[in-house]
Amino acid sequence: MLSAAQLQSYIQQGLPCDYIQVIGDDGTHFEAVVVSPSFTGKNMVQQHQLVYGALGDRMRAEIHALSMKTYTPDQWQALSR
């Protein structure tokens, strides 16, 4: 069974992240907040595709559901004010 920490590590290995938090306790359903400079200039669909790309085949094999909120560093900083 996949843990939230493992999923977080997989995303970090494939995508530079300024901040990342993954939660989920049943091994197949997860929620993630991902802040990456790679998201700059991309729309939300493109940002989510980058995360899916970082996960590769794990998305089909190990993860049943992943809910994401993605932000550029500037968007994240504006939220943190």
N, C-alpha and C. Protein backbone atom coordinates (compact mmCIF):
# COMPACT_ATOMS: atom_id res chain seq x y z
N MET A 1 0.84 -1.18 0.00
CA MET A 1 0.00 0.00 0.00
C MET A 1 0.89 1.25 0.00
N LEU A 2 0.53 2.22 -0.80
CA LEU A 2 1.28 3.46 -0.96
C LEU A 2 0.98 4.42 0.18
N SER A 3 2.00 5.06 0.72
CA SER A 3 1.79 6.05 1.77
C SER A 3 1.84 7.46 1.17
N ALA A 4 1.30 8.41 1.90
CA ALA A 4 1.36 9.81 1.46
C ALA A 4 2.81 10.27 1.33
N ALA A 5 3.67 9.83 2.24
CA ALA A 5 5.08 10.21 2.18
C ALA A 5 5.75 9.66 0.92
N GLN A 6 5.42 8.43 0.53
CA GLN A 6 5.98 7.85 -0.69
C GLN A 6 5.52 8.64 -1.91
N LEU A 7 4.22 8.96 -1.96
CA LEU A 7 3.69 9.71 -3.09
C LEU A 7 4.36 11.08 -3.17
N GLN A 8 4.53 11.73 -2.04
CA GLN A 8 5.21 13.02 -2.01
C GLN A 8 6.62 12.89 -2.55
N SER A 9 7.31 11.86 -2.16
CA SER A 9 8.67 11.62 -2.65
C SER A 9 8.70 11.40 -4.15
N TYR A 10 7.75 10.64 -4.67
CA TYR A 10 7.69 10.41 -6.12
C TYR A 10 7.51 11.71 -6.88
N ILE A 11 6.64 12.58 -6.39
CA ILE A 11 6.41 13.86 -7.06
C ILE A 11 7.68 14.70 -7.01
N GLN A 12 8.33 14.75 -5.85
CA GLN A 12 9.55 15.55 -5.69
C GLN A 12 10.69 15.04 -6.56
N GLN A 13 10.74 13.75 -6.80
CA GLN A 13 11.80 13.19 -7.64
C GLN A 13 11.64 13.60 -9.10
N GLY A 14 10.39 13.83 -9.54
CA GLY A 14 10.15 14.14 -10.93
C GLY A 14 9.82 15.58 -11.23
N LEU A 15 9.72 16.42 -10.19
CA LEU A 15 9.30 17.80 -10.38
C LEU A 15 9.92 18.67 -9.30
N PRO A 16 10.60 19.77 -9.68
CA PRO A 16 11.14 20.65 -8.65
C PRO A 16 9.99 21.31 -7.88
N CYS A 17 10.03 21.22 -6.57
CA CYS A 17 8.94 21.74 -5.74
C CYS A 17 9.49 22.72 -4.70
N ASP A 18 8.87 23.89 -4.62
CA ASP A 18 9.20 24.83 -3.54
C ASP A 18 8.47 24.43 -2.27
N TYR A 19 7.31 23.81 -2.44
CA TYR A 19 6.51 23.33 -1.31
C TYR A 19 5.66 22.18 -1.82
N ILE A 20 5.48 21.19 -0.97
CA ILE A 20 4.60 20.08 -1.32
C ILE A 20 4.05 19.48 -0.03
N GLN A 21 2.77 19.16 -0.06
CA GLN A 21 2.14 18.45 1.05
C GLN A 21 1.17 17.45 0.45
N VAL A 22 1.30 16.21 0.85
CA VAL A 22 0.40 15.15 0.40
C VAL A 22 -0.23 14.51 1.63
N ILE A 23 -1.54 14.37 1.59
CA ILE A 23 -2.23 13.69 2.68
C ILE A 23 -3.09 12.58 2.09
N GLY A 24 -3.35 11.58 2.90
CA GLY A 24 -4.16 10.44 2.50
C GLY A 24 -3.81 9.29 3.40
N ASP A 25 -4.81 8.56 3.85
CA ASP A 25 -4.51 7.50 4.80
C ASP A 25 -5.06 6.13 4.42
N ASP A 26 -5.64 6.04 3.22
CA ASP A 26 -6.16 4.72 2.84
C ASP A 26 -5.30 4.01 1.79
N GLY A 27 -4.23 4.67 1.35
CA GLY A 27 -3.31 4.03 0.41
C GLY A 27 -3.65 4.18 -1.05
N THR A 28 -4.84 4.71 -1.36
CA THR A 28 -5.22 4.87 -2.77
C THR A 28 -5.81 6.24 -3.10
N HIS A 29 -6.31 6.96 -2.11
CA HIS A 29 -6.91 8.28 -2.31
C HIS A 29 -6.06 9.33 -1.61
N PHE A 30 -5.63 10.34 -2.38
CA PHE A 30 -4.71 11.33 -1.84
C PHE A 30 -5.13 12.74 -2.25
N GLU A 31 -4.68 13.71 -1.44
CA GLU A 31 -4.83 15.13 -1.75
C GLU A 31 -3.44 15.75 -1.69
N ALA A 32 -3.14 16.59 -2.66
CA ALA A 32 -1.80 17.20 -2.71
C ALA A 32 -1.89 18.70 -2.97
N VAL A 33 -0.99 19.42 -2.34
CA VAL A 33 -0.74 20.83 -2.65
C VAL A 33 0.70 20.87 -3.16
N VAL A 34 0.87 21.37 -4.38
CA VAL A 34 2.20 21.38 -5.00
C VAL A 34 2.49 22.79 -5.50
N VAL A 35 3.63 23.32 -5.08
CA VAL A 35 4.11 24.63 -5.54
C VAL A 35 5.40 24.39 -6.30
N SER A 36 5.42 24.76 -7.57
CA SER A 36 6.60 24.50 -8.39
C SER A 36 6.87 25.65 -9.36
N PRO A 37 8.13 26.02 -9.53
CA PRO A 37 8.46 27.01 -10.55
C PRO A 37 8.16 26.50 -11.96
N SER A 38 8.07 25.20 -12.13
CA SER A 38 7.75 24.62 -13.45
C SER A 38 6.33 24.97 -13.89
N PHE A 39 5.48 25.40 -12.97
CA PHE A 39 4.10 25.73 -13.29
C PHE A 39 3.95 27.13 -13.89
N THR A 40 4.98 27.95 -13.78
CA THR A 40 4.91 29.32 -14.28
C THR A 40 4.60 29.34 -15.77
N GLY A 41 3.58 30.11 -16.13
CA GLY A 41 3.19 30.25 -17.54
C GLY A 41 2.31 29.13 -18.05
N LYS A 42 1.93 28.21 -17.19
CA LYS A 42 1.09 27.08 -17.59
C LYS A 42 -0.28 27.19 -16.94
N ASN A 43 -1.30 26.71 -17.64
CA ASN A 43 -2.64 26.71 -17.05
C ASN A 43 -2.77 25.52 -16.10
N MET A 44 -3.89 25.45 -15.41
CA MET A 44 -4.06 24.41 -14.39
C MET A 44 -3.98 23.00 -14.98
N VAL A 45 -4.54 22.79 -16.13
CA VAL A 45 -4.49 21.46 -16.76
C VAL A 45 -3.04 21.08 -17.05
N GLN A 46 -2.27 22.01 -17.58
CA GLN A 46 -0.87 21.74 -17.87
C GLN A 46 -0.07 21.49 -16.59
N GLN A 47 -0.40 22.22 -15.53
CA GLN A 47 0.27 22.00 -14.25
C GLN A 47 -0.02 20.60 -13.73
N HIS A 48 -1.27 20.18 -13.80
CA HIS A 48 -1.64 18.84 -13.33
C HIS A 48 -0.97 17.77 -14.19
N GLN A 49 -0.84 18.03 -15.48
CA GLN A 49 -0.16 17.09 -16.36
C GLN A 49 1.30 16.91 -15.96
N LEU A 50 1.93 17.98 -15.50
CA LEU A 50 3.32 17.88 -15.03
C LEU A 50 3.41 16.97 -13.81
N VAL A 51 2.44 17.09 -12.90
CA VAL A 51 2.44 16.22 -11.71
C VAL A 51 2.20 14.77 -12.13
N TYR A 52 1.22 14.56 -13.01
CA TYR A 52 0.96 13.20 -13.50
C TYR A 52 2.19 12.63 -14.19
N GLY A 53 2.88 13.47 -14.94
CA GLY A 53 4.10 13.03 -15.61
C GLY A 53 5.18 12.61 -14.62
N ALA A 54 5.27 13.34 -13.51
CA ALA A 54 6.24 12.98 -12.48
C ALA A 54 5.91 11.63 -11.85
N LEU A 55 4.62 11.31 -11.80
CA LEU A 55 4.19 10.05 -11.20
C LEU A 55 4.27 8.88 -12.18
N GLY A 56 4.23 9.18 -13.47
CA GLY A 56 4.34 8.14 -14.49
C GLY A 56 3.30 7.04 -14.34
N ASP A 57 3.71 5.80 -14.49
CA ASP A 57 2.79 4.66 -14.45
C ASP A 57 2.18 4.42 -13.08
N ARG A 58 2.75 5.02 -12.05
CA ARG A 58 2.18 4.85 -10.71
C ARG A 58 0.75 5.37 -10.65
N MET A 59 0.47 6.37 -11.46
CA MET A 59 -0.88 6.94 -11.47
C MET A 59 -1.90 5.90 -11.91
N ARG A 60 -1.53 5.04 -12.80
CA ARG A 60 -2.45 3.99 -13.27
C ARG A 60 -2.44 2.78 -12.35
N ALA A 61 -1.27 2.48 -11.79
CA ALA A 61 -1.12 1.21 -11.07
C ALA A 61 -1.38 1.32 -9.57
N GLU A 62 -0.87 2.37 -8.92
CA GLU A 62 -0.91 2.42 -7.46
C GLU A 62 -1.89 3.43 -6.88
N ILE A 63 -2.25 4.45 -7.65
CA ILE A 63 -3.04 5.56 -7.13
C ILE A 63 -4.43 5.53 -7.76
N HIS A 64 -5.44 5.43 -6.94
CA HIS A 64 -6.81 5.41 -7.45
C HIS A 64 -7.31 6.83 -7.70
N ALA A 65 -7.03 7.74 -6.77
CA ALA A 65 -7.52 9.12 -6.90
C ALA A 65 -6.51 10.09 -6.30
N LEU A 66 -6.27 11.18 -7.02
CA LEU A 66 -5.38 12.23 -6.55
C LEU A 66 -6.03 13.57 -6.82
N SER A 67 -6.39 14.26 -5.77
CA SER A 67 -6.93 15.61 -5.86
C SER A 67 -5.77 16.57 -5.66
N MET A 68 -5.63 17.54 -6.57
CA MET A 68 -4.48 18.45 -6.51
C MET A 68 -4.88 19.91 -6.50
N LYS A 69 -4.08 20.68 -5.79
CA LYS A 69 -4.08 22.12 -5.90
C LYS A 69 -2.66 22.49 -6.27
N THR A 70 -2.49 23.15 -7.40
CA THR A 70 -1.16 23.50 -7.88
C THR A 70 -1.02 25.01 -7.96
N TYR A 71 0.17 25.49 -7.61
CA TYR A 71 0.44 26.92 -7.58
C TYR A 71 1.85 27.21 -8.08
N THR A 72 2.01 28.36 -8.72
CA THR A 72 3.35 28.87 -9.00
C THR A 72 3.87 29.46 -7.69
N PRO A 73 5.17 29.67 -7.57
CA PRO A 73 5.69 30.31 -6.35
C PRO A 73 5.06 31.67 -6.08
N ASP A 74 4.81 32.47 -7.12
CA ASP A 74 4.19 33.78 -6.93
C ASP A 74 2.75 33.65 -6.42
N GLN A 75 1.99 32.71 -6.97
CA GLN A 75 0.62 32.49 -6.50
C GLN A 75 0.63 32.05 -5.04
N TRP A 76 1.55 31.16 -4.69
CA TRP A 76 1.65 30.64 -3.32
C TRP A 76 2.01 31.76 -2.35
N GLN A 77 2.94 32.60 -2.76
CA GLN A 77 3.35 33.72 -1.91
C GLN A 77 2.18 34.68 -1.67
N ALA A 78 1.40 34.93 -2.72
CA ALA A 78 0.23 35.82 -2.58
C ALA A 78 -0.80 35.21 -1.62
N LEU A 79 -0.96 33.90 -1.64
CA LEU A 79 -1.90 33.25 -0.72
C LEU A 79 -1.42 33.31 0.72
N SER A 80 -0.12 33.32 0.90
CA SER A 80 0.48 33.25 2.23
C SER A 80 0.47 34.60 2.95
N ARG A 81 0.09 35.63 2.25
CA ARG A 81 0.10 36.98 2.87
C ARG A 81 -1.07 37.17 3.78
